[in-house]
């Protein structure tokens, strides 16, 4: 089968279309013909940084070839002997084997059936592929860890991005009051997602505008989270996607009696099914900003590295 392998870490020129063996099918696995692949910032980070491979890909030094990616939608080609909830021909989507060697940049990929959900008929393969890692991150942040409820005031940073644009919609679906931060160019987009208020982070200090948030989703790295703590009410919940607790942050959190969690999203079919139901009901939509062909993976990586992408970048399957 065809796959895009990482020849060596570095620039986009190291993403090479090659012929590789088809994946083996374990009893609990589903073999999927990939129709669309969603690209995330972590994909580009791993392409350029071999030191991150053991943590995210969990690969050893001799495991070759490296095939990046986790976010797929496609059609079931076959199922393992113990799989009962999927059959050949089903249209599915999911974030496969994260953390781990997902091998999504390929004509076919295999994954445990427990990590997949059936794609709603009304949702395209491109939209479904986009609603995987980013949507799961938003869902697990808000629902599993922040335990969102109706009436909560939720501040979402980078609200126009992959995680952020899903988080805004999810928070509104749960009945929250939502404030989104982004650049001024994204004001109308963020408000169109359902946000009740918008803050231009380039010209306004969000911590001076919001001081009583129940929940904050912070996707920025470093001491940006200390500013977010200032926006929390006492006993609030702050979910960070990138920053572990350090001494000054812990002091600030203790003063606010705040809950803090650094999230590493996990593949989870039950959560995928919840997202599928929200998409089917029209409460959750993927904003696809760019679609490229399989052989244009380099273009997709260049786009995601601009860090200015609205919603998601999608690569078509073969």
C-alpha atoms as a PDB file:
ATOM      1  CA  UNK A   1       0.000   0.000   0.000  1.00  0.00           C
ATOM      2  CA  UNK A   2       1.011   3.637  -0.290  1.00  0.00           C
ATOM      3  CA  UNK A   3       2.006   5.606   2.788  1.00  0.00           C
ATOM      4  CA  UNK A   4       3.818   8.827   3.571  1.00  0.00           C
ATOM      5  CA  UNK A   5       6.865   7.911   5.599  1.00  0.00           C
ATOM      6  CA  UNK A   6       9.116  10.200   7.591  1.00  0.00           C
ATOM      7  CA  UNK A   7      12.475   9.626   5.948  1.00  0.00           C
ATOM      8  CA  UNK A   8      14.264  11.535   8.718  1.00  0.00           C
ATOM      9  CA  UNK A   9      13.334  14.340  11.064  1.00  0.00           C
ATOM     10  CA  UNK A  10      13.593  17.830   9.662  1.00  0.00           C
ATOM     11  CA  UNK A  11      11.749  19.771   6.995  1.00  0.00           C
ATOM     12  CA  UNK A  12       8.679  18.876   4.950  1.00  0.00           C
ATOM     13  CA  UNK A  13      10.884  17.428   2.212  1.00  0.00           C
ATOM     14  CA  UNK A  14      11.372  14.402   4.465  1.00  0.00           C
ATOM     15  CA  UNK A  15       7.720  13.347   4.038  1.00  0.00           C
ATOM     16  CA  UNK A  16       8.027  10.765   1.256  1.00  0.00           C
ATOM     17  CA  UNK A  17       5.279   8.805  -0.536  1.00  0.00           C
ATOM     18  CA  UNK A  18       6.405   5.148  -0.469  1.00  0.00           C
ATOM     19  CA  UNK A  19       5.183   1.571  -0.803  1.00  0.00           C
ATOM     20  CA  UNK A  20       4.972  -0.251   2.546  1.00  0.00           C
ATOM     21  CA  UNK A  21       3.345  -3.501   3.734  1.00  0.00           C
ATOM     22  CA  UNK A  22      -0.325  -3.315   4.672  1.00  0.00           C
ATOM     23  CA  UNK A  23      -0.977  -3.362   8.442  1.00  0.00           C
ATOM     24  CA  UNK A  24      -1.599  -6.633  10.240  1.00  0.00           C
ATOM     25  CA  UNK A  25      -5.066  -7.104  11.673  1.00  0.00           C
ATOM     26  CA  UNK A  26      -5.265  -8.180  15.327  1.00  0.00           C
ATOM     27  CA  UNK A  27      -8.421  -9.826  16.721  1.00  0.00           C
ATOM     28  CA  UNK A  28      -9.634  -6.572  18.303  1.00  0.00           C
ATOM     29  CA  UNK A  29      -8.745  -4.372  15.339  1.00  0.00           C
ATOM     30  CA  UNK A  30     -10.557  -2.791  12.418  1.00  0.00           C
ATOM     31  CA  UNK A  31      -8.816  -2.275   9.074  1.00  0.00           C
ATOM     32  CA  UNK A  32      -9.844   1.070   7.579  1.00  0.00           C
ATOM     33  CA  UNK A  33      -9.330   2.357   4.060  1.00  0.00           C
ATOM     34  CA  UNK A  34      -8.452   5.966   4.781  1.00  0.00           C
ATOM     35  CA  UNK A  35     -10.613   8.566   3.031  1.00  0.00           C
ATOM     36  CA  UNK A  36      -9.369  11.682   4.846  1.00  0.00           C
ATOM     37  CA  UNK A  37      -6.639  12.633   7.310  1.00  0.00           C
ATOM     38  CA  UNK A  38      -6.632  15.588   9.698  1.00  0.00           C
ATOM     39  CA  UNK A  39      -3.344  17.391  10.345  1.00  0.00           C
ATOM     40  CA  UNK A  40      -2.426  18.768  13.774  1.00  0.00           C
ATOM     41  CA  UNK A  41       0.395  20.954  15.127  1.00  0.00           C
ATOM     42  CA  UNK A  42       1.805  17.896  16.911  1.00  0.00           C
ATOM     43  CA  UNK A  43       2.286  16.222  13.510  1.00  0.00           C
ATOM     44  CA  UNK A  44       4.611  18.991  12.376  1.00  0.00           C
ATOM     45  CA  UNK A  45       6.372  19.008  15.741  1.00  0.00           C
ATOM     46  CA  UNK A  46       7.141  15.300  15.469  1.00  0.00           C
ATOM     47  CA  UNK A  47       8.270  15.670  11.876  1.00  0.00           C
ATOM     48  CA  UNK A  48      10.911  18.135  13.042  1.00  0.00           C
ATOM     49  CA  UNK A  49      11.856  16.769  16.498  1.00  0.00           C
ATOM     50  CA  UNK A  50      13.060  13.196  16.895  1.00  0.00           C
ATOM     51  CA  UNK A  51      13.453  13.666  20.665  1.00  0.00           C
ATOM     52  CA  UNK A  52       9.645  13.792  20.964  1.00  0.00           C
ATOM     53  CA  UNK A  53       9.091  10.431  19.247  1.00  0.00           C
ATOM     54  CA  UNK A  54       9.418   8.213  22.356  1.00  0.00           C
ATOM     55  CA  UNK A  55       6.783  10.268  24.206  1.00  0.00           C
ATOM     56  CA  UNK A  56       4.187  10.704  21.470  1.00  0.00           C
ATOM     57  CA  UNK A  57       4.863   7.840  19.049  1.00  0.00           C
ATOM     58  CA  UNK A  58       6.269   5.475  21.687  1.00  0.00           C
ATOM     59  CA  UNK A  59       8.605   4.059  19.066  1.00  0.00           C
ATOM     60  CA  UNK A  60      12.021   2.569  19.647  1.00  0.00           C
ATOM     61  CA  UNK A  61      15.169   3.675  17.801  1.00  0.00           C
ATOM     62  CA  UNK A  62      14.911   0.775  15.330  1.00  0.00           C
ATOM     63  CA  UNK A  63      11.203   1.040  14.502  1.00  0.00           C
ATOM     64  CA  UNK A  64      10.955   1.922  10.829  1.00  0.00           C
ATOM     65  CA  UNK A  65       9.345   3.282   8.829  1.00  0.00           C
ATOM     66  CA  UNK A  66       7.828   6.110  10.856  1.00  0.00           C
ATOM     67  CA  UNK A  67       4.344   6.948   9.574  1.00  0.00           C
ATOM     68  CA  UNK A  68       2.901  10.027  11.248  1.00  0.00           C
ATOM     69  CA  UNK A  69      -0.708  10.903  12.005  1.00  0.00           C
ATOM     70  CA  UNK A  70      -3.650   9.712  14.104  1.00  0.00           C
ATOM     71  CA  UNK A  71      -6.776  11.402  12.728  1.00  0.00           C
ATOM     72  CA  UNK A  72      -8.706   9.458  10.128  1.00  0.00           C
ATOM     73  CA  UNK A  73     -12.055   8.819   8.564  1.00  0.00           C
ATOM     74  CA  UNK A  74     -12.720   6.043   6.119  1.00  0.00           C
ATOM     75  CA  UNK A  75     -14.426   2.796   5.216  1.00  0.00           C
ATOM     76  CA  UNK A  76     -14.058  -0.497   7.063  1.00  0.00           C
ATOM     77  CA  UNK A  77     -12.399  -3.112   4.833  1.00  0.00           C
ATOM     78  CA  UNK A  78     -12.250  -5.957   7.355  1.00  0.00           C
ATOM     79  CA  UNK A  79     -12.562  -6.618  11.083  1.00  0.00           C
ATOM     80  CA  UNK A  80     -10.693  -8.815  13.538  1.00  0.00           C
ATOM     81  CA  UNK A  81     -12.175 -12.029  14.876  1.00  0.00           C
ATOM     82  CA  UNK A  82     -13.345 -10.462  18.168  1.00  0.00           C
ATOM     83  CA  UNK A  83     -14.944  -7.312  16.664  1.00  0.00           C
ATOM     84  CA  UNK A  84     -18.753  -7.266  16.760  1.00  0.00           C
ATOM     85  CA  UNK A  85     -19.698  -3.579  16.515  1.00  0.00           C
ATOM     86  CA  UNK A  86     -18.318  -2.866  13.029  1.00  0.00           C
ATOM     87  CA  UNK A  87     -18.562  -4.635   9.687  1.00  0.00           C
ATOM     88  CA  UNK A  88     -17.129  -4.284   6.205  1.00  0.00           C
ATOM     89  CA  UNK A  89     -18.472  -1.174   4.492  1.00  0.00           C
ATOM     90  CA  UNK A  90     -19.148   0.856   7.655  1.00  0.00           C
ATOM     91  CA  UNK A  91     -18.013   4.466   7.482  1.00  0.00           C
ATOM     92  CA  UNK A  92     -15.998   5.320  10.589  1.00  0.00           C
ATOM     93  CA  UNK A  93     -13.766   7.994  12.100  1.00  0.00           C
ATOM     94  CA  UNK A  94     -11.478   8.338  15.071  1.00  0.00           C
ATOM     95  CA  UNK A  95      -8.139   9.279  16.567  1.00  0.00           C
ATOM     96  CA  UNK A  96      -6.223   6.017  16.401  1.00  0.00           C
ATOM     97  CA  UNK A  97      -3.543   4.815  18.814  1.00  0.00           C
ATOM     98  CA  UNK A  98      -2.795   8.142  20.501  1.00  0.00           C
ATOM     99  CA  UNK A  99      -0.379   8.313  22.149  1.00  0.00           C
ATOM    100  CA  UNK A 100       1.383   5.731  20.003  1.00  0.00           C
ATOM    101  CA  UNK A 101       2.331   4.999  16.417  1.00  0.00           C
ATOM    102  CA  UNK A 102      -0.968   5.818  14.712  1.00  0.00           C
ATOM    103  CA  UNK A 103       0.276   5.419  11.110  1.00  0.00           C
ATOM    104  CA  UNK A 104      -2.572   7.494   9.705  1.00  0.00           C
ATOM    105  CA  UNK A 105      -0.694   8.878   6.686  1.00  0.00           C
ATOM    106  CA  UNK A 106      -1.462   5.745   4.705  1.00  0.00           C
ATOM    107  CA  UNK A 107      -3.840   4.079   2.295  1.00  0.00           C
ATOM    108  CA  UNK A 108      -4.942   1.712   5.070  1.00  0.00           C
ATOM    109  CA  UNK A 109      -4.586   1.808   8.828  1.00  0.00           C
ATOM    110  CA  UNK A 110      -5.654  -0.534  11.601  1.00  0.00           C
ATOM    111  CA  UNK A 111      -6.863   0.408  15.058  1.00  0.00           C
ATOM    112  CA  UNK A 112      -8.716  -1.128  17.988  1.00  0.00           C
ATOM    113  CA  UNK A 113     -12.462  -1.073  17.420  1.00  0.00           C
ATOM    114  CA  UNK A 114     -12.758   0.601  20.834  1.00  0.00           C
ATOM    115  CA  UNK A 115     -11.186   3.778  19.410  1.00  0.00           C
ATOM    116  CA  UNK A 116     -13.597   4.307  16.508  1.00  0.00           C
ATOM    117  CA  UNK A 117     -17.138   5.535  15.965  1.00  0.00           C
ATOM    118  CA  UNK A 118     -19.507   5.332  13.021  1.00  0.00           C
ATOM    119  CA  UNK A 119     -19.488   8.472  10.908  1.00  0.00           C
ATOM    120  CA  UNK A 120     -22.839  10.268  10.725  1.00  0.00           C
ATOM    121  CA  UNK A 121     -24.287   9.999   7.223  1.00  0.00           C
ATOM    122  CA  UNK A 122     -24.765  13.771   7.030  1.00  0.00           C
ATOM    123  CA  UNK A 123     -21.071  14.452   7.751  1.00  0.00           C
ATOM    124  CA  UNK A 124     -18.420  14.325   5.022  1.00  0.00           C
ATOM    125  CA  UNK A 125     -15.255  12.250   5.391  1.00  0.00           C
ATOM    126  CA  UNK A 126     -13.253  15.504   5.516  1.00  0.00           C
ATOM    127  CA  UNK A 127     -15.399  16.960   8.303  1.00  0.00           C
ATOM    128  CA  UNK A 128     -15.307  13.697  10.241  1.00  0.00           C
ATOM    129  CA  UNK A 129     -11.512  13.394  10.033  1.00  0.00           C
ATOM    130  CA  UNK A 130     -11.257  16.925  11.422  1.00  0.00           C
ATOM    131  CA  UNK A 131     -13.401  16.068  14.446  1.00  0.00           C
ATOM    132  CA  UNK A 132     -10.891  13.704  16.009  1.00  0.00           C
ATOM    133  CA  UNK A 133      -7.799  14.779  17.999  1.00  0.00           C
ATOM    134  CA  UNK A 134      -8.839  18.428  18.237  1.00  0.00           C
ATOM    135  CA  UNK A 135     -12.477  17.650  19.033  1.00  0.00           C
ATOM    136  CA  UNK A 136     -11.527  14.934  21.529  1.00  0.00           C
ATOM    137  CA  UNK A 137      -9.150  17.363  23.226  1.00  0.00           C
ATOM    138  CA  UNK A 138     -11.935  19.912  23.590  1.00  0.00           C
ATOM    139  CA  UNK A 139     -14.407  17.257  24.778  1.00  0.00           C
ATOM    140  CA  UNK A 140     -12.114  15.632  27.312  1.00  0.00           C
ATOM    141  CA  UNK A 141     -11.005  19.040  28.610  1.00  0.00           C
ATOM    142  CA  UNK A 142     -14.504  20.390  29.103  1.00  0.00           C
ATOM    143  CA  UNK A 143     -16.551  17.311  29.920  1.00  0.00           C
ATOM    144  CA  UNK A 144     -14.211  14.799  31.557  1.00  0.00           C
ATOM    145  CA  UNK A 145     -11.883  17.094  33.510  1.00  0.00           C
ATOM    146  CA  UNK A 146     -13.616  20.475  33.865  1.00  0.00           C
ATOM    147  CA  UNK A 147     -17.026  18.827  34.322  1.00  0.00           C
ATOM    148  CA  UNK A 148     -18.833  21.599  32.484  1.00  0.00           C
ATOM    149  CA  UNK A 149     -22.447  22.342  33.337  1.00  0.00           C
ATOM    150  CA  UNK A 150     -25.130  24.747  32.185  1.00  0.00           C
ATOM    151  CA  UNK A 151     -24.510  28.312  33.316  1.00  0.00           C
ATOM    152  CA  UNK A 152     -20.724  28.012  33.639  1.00  0.00           C
ATOM    153  CA  UNK A 153     -18.666  30.941  32.376  1.00  0.00           C
ATOM    154  CA  UNK A 154     -16.007  29.476  30.078  1.00  0.00           C
ATOM    155  CA  UNK A 155     -12.960  31.295  28.698  1.00  0.00           C
ATOM    156  CA  UNK A 156     -11.422  29.619  25.652  1.00  0.00           C
ATOM    157  CA  UNK A 157      -8.058  30.765  24.350  1.00  0.00           C
ATOM    158  CA  UNK A 158      -7.150  30.437  20.646  1.00  0.00           C
ATOM    159  CA  UNK A 159     -10.865  30.076  19.980  1.00  0.00           C
ATOM    160  CA  UNK A 160     -10.459  30.133  16.187  1.00  0.00           C
ATOM    161  CA  UNK A 161      -8.025  27.214  16.058  1.00  0.00           C
ATOM    162  CA  UNK A 162      -8.523  23.478  15.834  1.00  0.00           C
ATOM    163  CA  UNK A 163      -9.219  22.750  19.513  1.00  0.00           C
ATOM    164  CA  UNK A 164     -10.657  26.185  20.207  1.00  0.00           C
ATOM    165  CA  UNK A 165     -13.366  26.203  17.557  1.00  0.00           C
ATOM    166  CA  UNK A 166     -14.643  22.847  18.811  1.00  0.00           C
ATOM    167  CA  UNK A 167     -14.431  23.974  22.451  1.00  0.00           C
ATOM    168  CA  UNK A 168     -16.607  27.020  21.775  1.00  0.00           C
ATOM    169  CA  UNK A 169     -19.308  24.873  20.158  1.00  0.00           C
ATOM    170  CA  UNK A 170     -19.153  22.182  22.836  1.00  0.00           C
ATOM    171  CA  UNK A 171     -19.380  24.685  25.678  1.00  0.00           C
ATOM    172  CA  UNK A 172     -22.441  26.264  24.071  1.00  0.00           C
ATOM    173  CA  UNK A 173     -23.992  22.820  23.549  1.00  0.00           C
ATOM    174  CA  UNK A 174     -23.709  22.273  27.310  1.00  0.00           C
ATOM    175  CA  UNK A 175     -25.374  25.599  28.057  1.00  0.00           C
ATOM    176  CA  UNK A 176     -22.319  27.624  29.090  1.00  0.00           C
ATOM    177  CA  UNK A 177     -21.610  31.329  28.661  1.00  0.00           C
ATOM    178  CA  UNK A 178     -18.582  31.421  26.358  1.00  0.00           C
ATOM    179  CA  UNK A 179     -15.828  33.994  25.916  1.00  0.00           C
ATOM    180  CA  UNK A 180     -13.288  33.380  23.159  1.00  0.00           C
ATOM    181  CA  UNK A 181      -9.888  34.969  22.628  1.00  0.00           C
ATOM    182  CA  UNK A 182      -8.266  35.262  19.204  1.00  0.00           C
ATOM    183  CA  UNK A 183      -6.785  37.870  16.867  1.00  0.00           C
ATOM    184  CA  UNK A 184      -9.058  40.661  15.656  1.00  0.00           C
ATOM    185  CA  UNK A 185      -9.216  39.072  12.189  1.00  0.00           C
ATOM    186  CA  UNK A 186     -11.047  36.103  13.720  1.00  0.00           C
ATOM    187  CA  UNK A 187     -13.664  38.079  15.651  1.00  0.00           C
ATOM    188  CA  UNK A 188     -16.598  37.341  13.333  1.00  0.00           C
ATOM    189  CA  UNK A 189     -15.601  33.695  12.987  1.00  0.00           C
ATOM    190  CA  UNK A 190     -15.442  33.106  16.746  1.00  0.00           C
ATOM    191  CA  UNK A 191     -18.771  34.832  17.311  1.00  0.00           C
ATOM    192  CA  UNK A 192     -20.303  32.775  14.486  1.00  0.00           C
ATOM    193  CA  UNK A 193     -19.373  29.637  16.422  1.00  0.00           C
ATOM    194  CA  UNK A 194     -21.655  30.772  19.230  1.00  0.00           C
ATOM    195  CA  UNK A 195     -19.313  32.676  21.541  1.00  0.00           C
ATOM    196  CA  UNK A 196     -21.114  35.263  23.694  1.00  0.00           C
ATOM    197  CA  UNK A 197     -18.089  37.553  23.942  1.00  0.00           C
ATOM    198  CA  UNK A 198     -14.862  38.052  22.021  1.00  0.00           C
ATOM    199  CA  UNK A 199     -11.491  39.319  23.284  1.00  0.00           C
ATOM    200  CA  UNK A 200      -8.765  40.486  20.906  1.00  0.00           C
ATOM    201  CA  UNK A 201      -5.707  39.087  22.659  1.00  0.00           C
ATOM    202  CA  UNK A 202      -3.361  41.322  20.653  1.00  0.00           C
ATOM    203  CA  UNK A 203      -4.891  44.564  21.911  1.00  0.00           C
ATOM    204  CA  UNK A 204      -6.716  43.608  25.125  1.00  0.00           C
ATOM    205  CA  UNK A 205      -5.625  41.960  28.375  1.00  0.00           C
ATOM    206  CA  UNK A 206      -8.094  39.151  28.938  1.00  0.00           C
ATOM    207  CA  UNK A 207      -7.194  38.905  32.642  1.00  0.00           C
ATOM    208  CA  UNK A 208      -8.426  42.470  33.146  1.00  0.00           C
ATOM    209  CA  UNK A 209     -11.706  41.771  31.352  1.00  0.00           C
ATOM    210  CA  UNK A 210     -12.547  38.344  32.791  1.00  0.00           C
ATOM    211  CA  UNK A 211     -12.000  37.701  36.510  1.00  0.00           C
ATOM    212  CA  UNK A 212     -14.748  35.191  37.334  1.00  0.00           C
ATOM    213  CA  UNK A 213     -14.430  32.302  34.859  1.00  0.00           C
ATOM    214  CA  UNK A 214     -15.591  28.887  36.059  1.00  0.00           C
ATOM    215  CA  UNK A 215     -13.535  27.108  33.383  1.00  0.00           C
ATOM    216  CA  UNK A 216     -10.584  28.133  31.232  1.00  0.00           C
ATOM    217  CA  UNK A 217      -9.106  26.152  28.346  1.00  0.00           C
ATOM    218  CA  UNK A 218      -5.539  27.350  27.794  1.00  0.00           C
ATOM    219  CA  UNK A 219      -3.684  26.070  24.743  1.00  0.00           C
ATOM    220  CA  UNK A 220      -0.680  28.402  25.091  1.00  0.00           C
ATOM    221  CA  UNK A 221       2.722  27.375  26.430  1.00  0.00           C
ATOM    222  CA  UNK A 222       4.538  28.820  29.451  1.00  0.00           C
ATOM    223  CA  UNK A 223       3.518  31.552  31.883  1.00  0.00           C
ATOM    224  CA  UNK A 224       0.427  32.451  29.842  1.00  0.00           C
ATOM    225  CA  UNK A 225      -1.369  30.106  32.258  1.00  0.00           C
ATOM    226  CA  UNK A 226      -0.492  32.377  35.193  1.00  0.00           C
ATOM    227  CA  UNK A 227      -2.461  35.123  33.469  1.00  0.00           C
ATOM    228  CA  UNK A 228      -5.300  32.649  33.030  1.00  0.00           C
ATOM    229  CA  UNK A 229      -5.316  31.939  36.771  1.00  0.00           C
ATOM    230  CA  UNK A 230      -6.062  35.631  37.299  1.00  0.00           C
ATOM    231  CA  UNK A 231      -9.213  35.178  35.206  1.00  0.00           C
ATOM    232  CA  UNK A 232     -10.482  32.281  37.329  1.00  0.00           C
ATOM    233  CA  UNK A 233     -13.022  32.621  40.081  1.00  0.00           C
ATOM    234  CA  UNK A 234     -12.108  30.931  43.359  1.00  0.00           C
ATOM    235  CA  UNK A 235     -12.537  27.194  42.969  1.00  0.00           C
ATOM    236  CA  UNK A 236     -12.440  27.437  39.178  1.00  0.00           C
ATOM    237  CA  UNK A 237     -11.043  24.828  36.781  1.00  0.00           C
ATOM    238  CA  UNK A 238      -8.119  25.452  34.454  1.00  0.00           C
ATOM    239  CA  UNK A 239      -7.221  22.910  31.779  1.00  0.00           C
ATOM    240  CA  UNK A 240      -3.876  23.411  30.033  1.00  0.00           C
ATOM    241  CA  UNK A 241      -2.928  21.600  26.852  1.00  0.00           C
ATOM    242  CA  UNK A 242       0.792  22.281  27.043  1.00  0.00           C
ATOM    243  CA  UNK A 243       2.067  23.543  30.398  1.00  0.00           C
ATOM    244  CA  UNK A 244       2.930  21.355  33.407  1.00  0.00           C
ATOM    245  CA  UNK A 245       2.694  22.796  36.918  1.00  0.00           C
ATOM    246  CA  UNK A 246       5.716  24.794  38.083  1.00  0.00           C
ATOM    247  CA  UNK A 247       6.344  26.564  41.394  1.00  0.00           C
ATOM    248  CA  UNK A 248       4.964  30.024  40.608  1.00  0.00           C
ATOM    249  CA  UNK A 249       1.916  28.508  38.918  1.00  0.00           C
ATOM    250  CA  UNK A 250       1.221  26.222  41.865  1.00  0.00           C
ATOM    251  CA  UNK A 251       1.318  29.206  44.207  1.00  0.00           C
ATOM    252  CA  UNK A 252      -1.189  31.088  42.067  1.00  0.00           C
ATOM    253  CA  UNK A 253      -3.470  28.043  41.820  1.00  0.00           C
ATOM    254  CA  UNK A 254      -3.380  27.481  45.591  1.00  0.00           C
ATOM    255  CA  UNK A 255      -4.398  31.078  46.231  1.00  0.00           C
ATOM    256  CA  UNK A 256      -7.431  30.582  43.973  1.00  0.00           C
ATOM    257  CA  UNK A 257      -8.225  27.081  45.329  1.00  0.00           C
ATOM    258  CA  UNK A 258      -8.287  26.111  41.661  1.00  0.00           C
ATOM    259  CA  UNK A 259      -8.317  22.735  39.941  1.00  0.00           C
ATOM    260  CA  UNK A 260      -5.581  22.351  37.319  1.00  0.00           C
ATOM    261  CA  UNK A 261      -4.988  19.595  34.803  1.00  0.00           C
ATOM    262  CA  UNK A 262      -2.490  19.310  31.961  1.00  0.00           C
ATOM    263  CA  UNK A 263      -4.306  17.247  29.360  1.00  0.00           C
ATOM    264  CA  UNK A 264      -2.811  14.639  27.079  1.00  0.00           C
ATOM    265  CA  UNK A 265      -5.750  13.520  24.979  1.00  0.00           C
ATOM    266  CA  UNK A 266      -6.432   9.784  24.814  1.00  0.00           C
ATOM    267  CA  UNK A 267      -7.999   7.689  22.052  1.00  0.00           C
ATOM    268  CA  UNK A 268     -11.496   6.781  23.238  1.00  0.00           C
ATOM    269  CA  UNK A 269     -14.336   5.353  21.176  1.00  0.00           C
ATOM    270  CA  UNK A 270     -17.041   6.287  23.698  1.00  0.00           C
ATOM    271  CA  UNK A 271     -16.006   9.918  23.507  1.00  0.00           C
ATOM    272  CA  UNK A 272     -15.931   9.634  19.702  1.00  0.00           C
ATOM    273  CA  UNK A 273     -19.510   8.347  19.787  1.00  0.00           C
ATOM    274  CA  UNK A 274     -20.539  11.345  21.890  1.00  0.00           C
ATOM    275  CA  UNK A 275     -18.947  13.649  19.320  1.00  0.00           C
ATOM    276  CA  UNK A 276     -20.688  11.773  16.492  1.00  0.00           C
ATOM    277  CA  UNK A 277     -24.057  12.340  18.189  1.00  0.00           C
ATOM    278  CA  UNK A 278     -23.349  16.064  18.579  1.00  0.00           C
ATOM    279  CA  UNK A 279     -22.354  16.292  14.912  1.00  0.00           C
ATOM    280  CA  UNK A 280     -25.451  14.406  13.809  1.00  0.00           C
ATOM    281  CA  UNK A 281     -27.634  16.815  15.804  1.00  0.00           C
ATOM    282  CA  UNK A 282     -25.960  19.826  14.215  1.00  0.00           C
ATOM    283  CA  UNK A 283     -24.517  21.108  17.502  1.00  0.00           C
ATOM    284  CA  UNK A 284     -20.925  20.463  16.456  1.00  0.00           C
ATOM    285  CA  UNK A 285     -19.380  21.217  13.059  1.00  0.00           C
ATOM    286  CA  UNK A 286     -15.858  21.039  11.717  1.00  0.00           C
ATOM    287  CA  UNK A 287     -14.604  24.160  10.027  1.00  0.00           C
ATOM    288  CA  UNK A 288     -12.355  22.890   7.236  1.00  0.00           C
ATOM    289  CA  UNK A 289     -10.115  25.717   6.074  1.00  0.00           C
ATOM    290  CA  UNK A 290      -7.994  23.769   3.580  1.00  0.00           C
ATOM    291  CA  UNK A 291      -8.133  20.416   1.759  1.00  0.00           C
ATOM    292  CA  UNK A 292      -5.130  19.061  -0.158  1.00  0.00           C
ATOM    293  CA  UNK A 293      -4.365  15.853  -2.036  1.00  0.00           C
ATOM    294  CA  UNK A 294      -2.429  12.949  -0.469  1.00  0.00           C
ATOM    295  CA  UNK A 295       0.752  13.878  -2.305  1.00  0.00           C
ATOM    296  CA  UNK A 296       0.590  17.436  -0.955  1.00  0.00           C
ATOM    297  CA  UNK A 297       1.272  16.563   2.686  1.00  0.00           C
ATOM    298  CA  UNK A 298       4.144  19.054   2.663  1.00  0.00           C
ATOM    299  CA  UNK A 299       1.678  21.854   1.897  1.00  0.00           C
ATOM    300  CA  UNK A 300      -0.560  20.751   4.772  1.00  0.00           C
ATOM    301  CA  UNK A 301       2.405  20.816   7.170  1.00  0.00           C
ATOM    302  CA  UNK A 302       3.461  24.262   6.006  1.00  0.00           C
ATOM    303  CA  UNK A 303      -0.043  25.562   6.606  1.00  0.00           C
ATOM    304  CA  UNK A 304      -0.320  24.120  10.117  1.00  0.00           C
ATOM    305  CA  UNK A 305       3.068  25.593  11.022  1.00  0.00           C
ATOM    306  CA  UNK A 306       1.805  29.115  10.341  1.00  0.00           C
ATOM    307  CA  UNK A 307      -0.239  28.751  13.562  1.00  0.00           C
ATOM    308  CA  UNK A 308      -2.901  30.936  11.960  1.00  0.00           C
ATOM    309  CA  UNK A 309      -5.201  28.190  10.671  1.00  0.00           C
ATOM    310  CA  UNK A 310      -8.918  28.552  11.270  1.00  0.00           C
ATOM    311  CA  UNK A 311     -10.330  25.181  12.196  1.00  0.00           C
ATOM    312  CA  UNK A 312      -8.723  22.234  10.430  1.00  0.00           C
ATOM    313  CA  UNK A 313      -6.434  21.290   7.539  1.00  0.00           C
ATOM    314  CA  UNK A 314      -7.410  18.028   5.805  1.00  0.00           C
ATOM    315  CA  UNK A 315      -5.532  15.704   3.452  1.00  0.00           C
ATOM    316  CA  UNK A 316      -7.559  13.466   1.138  1.00  0.00           C
ATOM    317  CA  UNK A 317      -6.976   9.733   1.149  1.00  0.00           C
ATOM    318  CA  UNK A 318      -5.779   7.939  -1.943  1.00  0.00           C
END
